[in-house]
Amino acid sequence: MAVSVMSFFQPGCMGCMKQSPINREVAQELHVTIEEIDALKNPQYVRQYSLKVTPTIILVQDNAVKERFEGVVHREQLEGAIKKYL
């Protein structure tokens, strides 16, 4: 099954503002969708994934968390993680 990539952010978060263009570049390069989710507007995810900081990127496959990154993730690291599940 395909990997689902979720990027959690908060408005005004400096790290989140740095992460967003990286997410767009990776999504375009790998032809995947990276769902950007406002953690404040979606508290169910905060509980479900025990979110502590933003940005947080979670890769889910078969309803299981395969990879988790807290803080800004560099393009090469994010691409490498996603490629493992494509």
N, C-alpha and C. Protein backbone atom coordinates (compact mmCIF):
# COMPACT_ATOMS: atom_id res chain seq x y z
N MET A 1 0.84 -1.19 0.00
CA MET A 1 0.00 0.00 0.00
C MET A 1 0.89 1.25 0.00
N ALA A 2 0.39 2.30 -0.58
CA ALA A 2 1.14 3.55 -0.69
C ALA A 2 1.32 4.20 0.67
N VAL A 3 2.35 4.99 0.76
CA VAL A 3 2.63 5.71 2.00
C VAL A 3 1.83 7.01 2.01
N SER A 4 1.35 7.37 3.18
CA SER A 4 0.66 8.64 3.38
C SER A 4 1.61 9.55 4.14
N VAL A 5 1.79 10.77 3.65
CA VAL A 5 2.72 11.71 4.29
C VAL A 5 1.92 12.89 4.83
N MET A 6 2.03 13.10 6.14
CA MET A 6 1.31 14.19 6.80
C MET A 6 2.32 15.13 7.44
N SER A 7 2.16 16.41 7.17
CA SER A 7 3.04 17.42 7.74
C SER A 7 2.18 18.33 8.61
N PHE A 8 2.43 18.30 9.91
CA PHE A 8 1.65 19.09 10.86
C PHE A 8 2.34 20.42 11.11
N PHE A 9 1.54 21.50 11.12
CA PHE A 9 2.08 22.84 11.28
C PHE A 9 1.16 23.65 12.18
N GLN A 10 1.65 24.82 12.57
CA GLN A 10 0.84 25.82 13.26
C GLN A 10 1.09 27.16 12.57
N PRO A 11 0.05 27.97 12.41
CA PRO A 11 0.25 29.29 11.83
C PRO A 11 1.24 30.10 12.66
N GLY A 12 2.15 30.79 11.99
CA GLY A 12 3.13 31.63 12.65
C GLY A 12 4.38 30.90 13.12
N CYS A 13 4.41 29.59 12.96
CA CYS A 13 5.57 28.78 13.38
C CYS A 13 6.69 28.97 12.36
N MET A 14 7.85 29.47 12.83
CA MET A 14 8.97 29.75 11.90
C MET A 14 9.48 28.47 11.24
N GLY A 15 9.63 27.40 12.00
CA GLY A 15 10.08 26.14 11.43
C GLY A 15 9.10 25.61 10.38
N CYS A 16 7.81 25.81 10.65
CA CYS A 16 6.77 25.36 9.71
C CYS A 16 6.87 26.13 8.39
N MET A 17 7.19 27.42 8.50
CA MET A 17 7.32 28.24 7.29
C MET A 17 8.53 27.80 6.47
N LYS A 18 9.57 27.29 7.14
CA LYS A 18 10.73 26.76 6.42
C LYS A 18 10.41 25.40 5.80
N GLN A 19 9.58 24.60 6.49
CA GLN A 19 9.28 23.24 6.04
C GLN A 19 8.36 23.22 4.83
N SER A 20 7.43 24.13 4.75
CA SER A 20 6.43 24.11 3.68
C SER A 20 7.02 24.09 2.27
N PRO A 21 7.98 24.97 1.93
CA PRO A 21 8.55 24.90 0.57
C PRO A 21 9.35 23.61 0.33
N ILE A 22 9.96 23.08 1.38
CA ILE A 22 10.67 21.80 1.23
C ILE A 22 9.65 20.71 0.89
N ASN A 23 8.53 20.71 1.59
CA ASN A 23 7.48 19.73 1.31
C ASN A 23 7.01 19.82 -0.14
N ARG A 24 6.81 21.04 -0.63
CA ARG A 24 6.35 21.21 -2.02
C ARG A 24 7.37 20.67 -3.01
N GLU A 25 8.65 20.94 -2.78
CA GLU A 25 9.70 20.45 -3.68
C GLU A 25 9.74 18.92 -3.70
N VAL A 26 9.68 18.32 -2.51
CA VAL A 26 9.73 16.85 -2.42
C VAL A 26 8.49 16.23 -3.06
N ALA A 27 7.33 16.80 -2.81
CA ALA A 27 6.09 16.28 -3.38
C ALA A 27 6.15 16.32 -4.92
N GLN A 28 6.66 17.42 -5.46
CA GLN A 28 6.77 17.56 -6.91
C GLN A 28 7.80 16.58 -7.47
N GLU A 29 8.93 16.46 -6.82
CA GLU A 29 10.00 15.59 -7.30
C GLU A 29 9.59 14.12 -7.28
N LEU A 30 8.91 13.69 -6.23
CA LEU A 30 8.56 12.27 -6.07
C LEU A 30 7.15 11.93 -6.52
N HIS A 31 6.39 12.94 -6.96
CA HIS A 31 5.01 12.74 -7.40
C HIS A 31 4.17 12.11 -6.30
N VAL A 32 4.27 12.68 -5.10
CA VAL A 32 3.48 12.23 -3.96
C VAL A 32 2.72 13.43 -3.41
N THR A 33 1.73 13.15 -2.60
CA THR A 33 0.99 14.20 -1.91
C THR A 33 1.47 14.27 -0.48
N ILE A 34 1.85 15.45 -0.05
CA ILE A 34 2.19 15.68 1.34
C ILE A 34 1.07 16.55 1.90
N GLU A 35 0.27 15.95 2.75
CA GLU A 35 -0.88 16.65 3.31
C GLU A 35 -0.42 17.56 4.45
N GLU A 36 -0.65 18.84 4.30
CA GLU A 36 -0.28 19.79 5.35
C GLU A 36 -1.50 20.01 6.23
N ILE A 37 -1.35 19.73 7.53
CA ILE A 37 -2.47 19.75 8.47
C ILE A 37 -2.18 20.74 9.59
N ASP A 38 -3.12 21.65 9.80
CA ASP A 38 -3.02 22.63 10.89
C ASP A 38 -3.30 21.89 12.20
N ALA A 39 -2.29 21.75 13.03
CA ALA A 39 -2.43 20.99 14.28
C ALA A 39 -3.44 21.63 15.23
N LEU A 40 -3.54 22.95 15.20
CA LEU A 40 -4.48 23.63 16.09
C LEU A 40 -5.93 23.39 15.70
N LYS A 41 -6.19 23.25 14.40
CA LYS A 41 -7.55 23.03 13.92
C LYS A 41 -7.92 21.55 13.90
N ASN A 42 -6.97 20.68 14.15
CA ASN A 42 -7.21 19.23 14.10
C ASN A 42 -6.65 18.54 15.35
N PRO A 43 -7.22 18.85 16.52
CA PRO A 43 -6.68 18.30 17.76
C PRO A 43 -6.75 16.77 17.85
N GLN A 44 -7.61 16.16 17.07
CA GLN A 44 -7.67 14.69 17.09
C GLN A 44 -6.34 14.08 16.66
N TYR A 45 -5.62 14.73 15.74
CA TYR A 45 -4.31 14.23 15.31
C TYR A 45 -3.26 14.44 16.39
N VAL A 46 -3.39 15.53 17.14
CA VAL A 46 -2.45 15.81 18.22
C VAL A 46 -2.49 14.64 19.21
N ARG A 47 -3.70 14.19 19.53
CA ARG A 47 -3.85 13.05 20.45
C ARG A 47 -3.43 11.74 19.79
N GLN A 48 -3.92 11.51 18.57
CA GLN A 48 -3.66 10.25 17.88
C GLN A 48 -2.17 9.98 17.69
N TYR A 49 -1.42 11.01 17.32
CA TYR A 49 0.00 10.84 17.01
C TYR A 49 0.92 11.41 18.09
N SER A 50 0.36 11.80 19.23
CA SER A 50 1.13 12.35 20.35
C SER A 50 2.07 13.47 19.88
N LEU A 51 1.51 14.43 19.16
CA LEU A 51 2.32 15.53 18.64
C LEU A 51 2.77 16.43 19.78
N LYS A 52 4.05 16.76 19.78
CA LYS A 52 4.61 17.62 20.81
C LYS A 52 5.14 18.93 20.24
N VAL A 53 5.58 18.91 18.98
CA VAL A 53 6.15 20.10 18.35
C VAL A 53 5.66 20.19 16.91
N THR A 54 5.77 21.40 16.37
CA THR A 54 5.56 21.58 14.94
C THR A 54 6.80 22.27 14.40
N PRO A 55 7.21 21.96 13.20
CA PRO A 55 6.59 20.98 12.32
C PRO A 55 6.91 19.54 12.74
N THR A 56 5.96 18.66 12.47
CA THR A 56 6.17 17.22 12.61
C THR A 56 5.68 16.58 11.33
N ILE A 57 6.49 15.69 10.77
CA ILE A 57 6.11 14.94 9.57
C ILE A 57 6.01 13.48 9.95
N ILE A 58 4.90 12.87 9.56
CA ILE A 58 4.67 11.46 9.86
C ILE A 58 4.37 10.73 8.56
N LEU A 59 5.06 9.60 8.36
CA LEU A 59 4.81 8.73 7.21
C LEU A 59 4.05 7.51 7.73
N VAL A 60 2.88 7.26 7.13
CA VAL A 60 2.03 6.16 7.57
C VAL A 60 1.81 5.21 6.40
N GLN A 61 1.93 3.92 6.68
CA GLN A 61 1.66 2.90 5.68
C GLN A 61 0.94 1.76 6.39
N ASP A 62 -0.14 1.28 5.80
CA ASP A 62 -0.94 0.21 6.39
C ASP A 62 -1.36 0.55 7.83
N ASN A 63 -1.77 1.79 8.04
CA ASN A 63 -2.24 2.29 9.34
C ASN A 63 -1.17 2.24 10.43
N ALA A 64 0.08 2.14 10.07
CA ALA A 64 1.18 2.13 11.04
C ALA A 64 2.15 3.27 10.72
N VAL A 65 2.61 3.95 11.76
CA VAL A 65 3.61 5.01 11.59
C VAL A 65 4.94 4.35 11.26
N LYS A 66 5.47 4.67 10.08
CA LYS A 66 6.74 4.10 9.63
C LYS A 66 7.92 5.02 9.92
N GLU A 67 7.70 6.32 9.80
CA GLU A 67 8.76 7.32 10.04
C GLU A 67 8.12 8.53 10.71
N ARG A 68 8.89 9.20 11.56
CA ARG A 68 8.41 10.41 12.25
C ARG A 68 9.59 11.37 12.36
N PHE A 69 9.35 12.62 11.98
CA PHE A 69 10.38 13.65 12.06
C PHE A 69 9.80 14.85 12.80
N GLU A 70 10.50 15.30 13.83
CA GLU A 70 10.09 16.48 14.57
C GLU A 70 11.08 17.60 14.28
N GLY A 71 10.56 18.77 13.96
CA GLY A 71 11.42 19.89 13.57
C GLY A 71 11.58 19.90 12.05
N VAL A 72 12.34 20.85 11.57
CA VAL A 72 12.54 21.00 10.12
C VAL A 72 13.34 19.82 9.59
N VAL A 73 12.83 19.22 8.51
CA VAL A 73 13.49 18.08 7.87
C VAL A 73 14.06 18.55 6.54
N HIS A 74 15.33 18.31 6.31
CA HIS A 74 15.96 18.71 5.05
C HIS A 74 15.45 17.85 3.90
N ARG A 75 15.47 18.43 2.74
CA ARG A 75 14.92 17.78 1.55
C ARG A 75 15.48 16.37 1.33
N GLU A 76 16.79 16.22 1.40
CA GLU A 76 17.40 14.92 1.11
C GLU A 76 16.93 13.86 2.09
N GLN A 77 16.81 14.22 3.36
CA GLN A 77 16.37 13.28 4.38
C GLN A 77 14.91 12.89 4.15
N LEU A 78 14.06 13.84 3.84
CA LEU A 78 12.65 13.56 3.61
C LEU A 78 12.47 12.71 2.37
N GLU A 79 13.16 13.06 1.29
CA GLU A 79 13.08 12.27 0.06
C GLU A 79 13.51 10.83 0.30
N GLY A 80 14.61 10.64 1.00
CA GLY A 80 15.11 9.30 1.29
C GLY A 80 14.12 8.48 2.08
N ALA A 81 13.49 9.10 3.06
CA ALA A 81 12.50 8.39 3.89
C ALA A 81 11.30 7.97 3.06
N ILE A 82 10.80 8.87 2.23
CA ILE A 82 9.61 8.57 1.42
C ILE A 82 9.93 7.50 0.37
N LYS A 83 11.09 7.58 -0.25
CA LYS A 83 11.47 6.63 -1.29
C LYS A 83 11.46 5.19 -0.79
N LYS A 84 11.75 4.99 0.50
CA LYS A 84 11.77 3.64 1.05
C LYS A 84 10.40 2.96 0.96
N TYR A 85 9.34 3.75 0.85
CA TYR A 85 7.97 3.20 0.89
C TYR A 85 7.23 3.34 -0.43
N LEU A 86 7.91 3.81 -1.46
CA LEU A 86 7.24 3.95 -2.77
C LEU A 86 7.33 2.66 -3.57
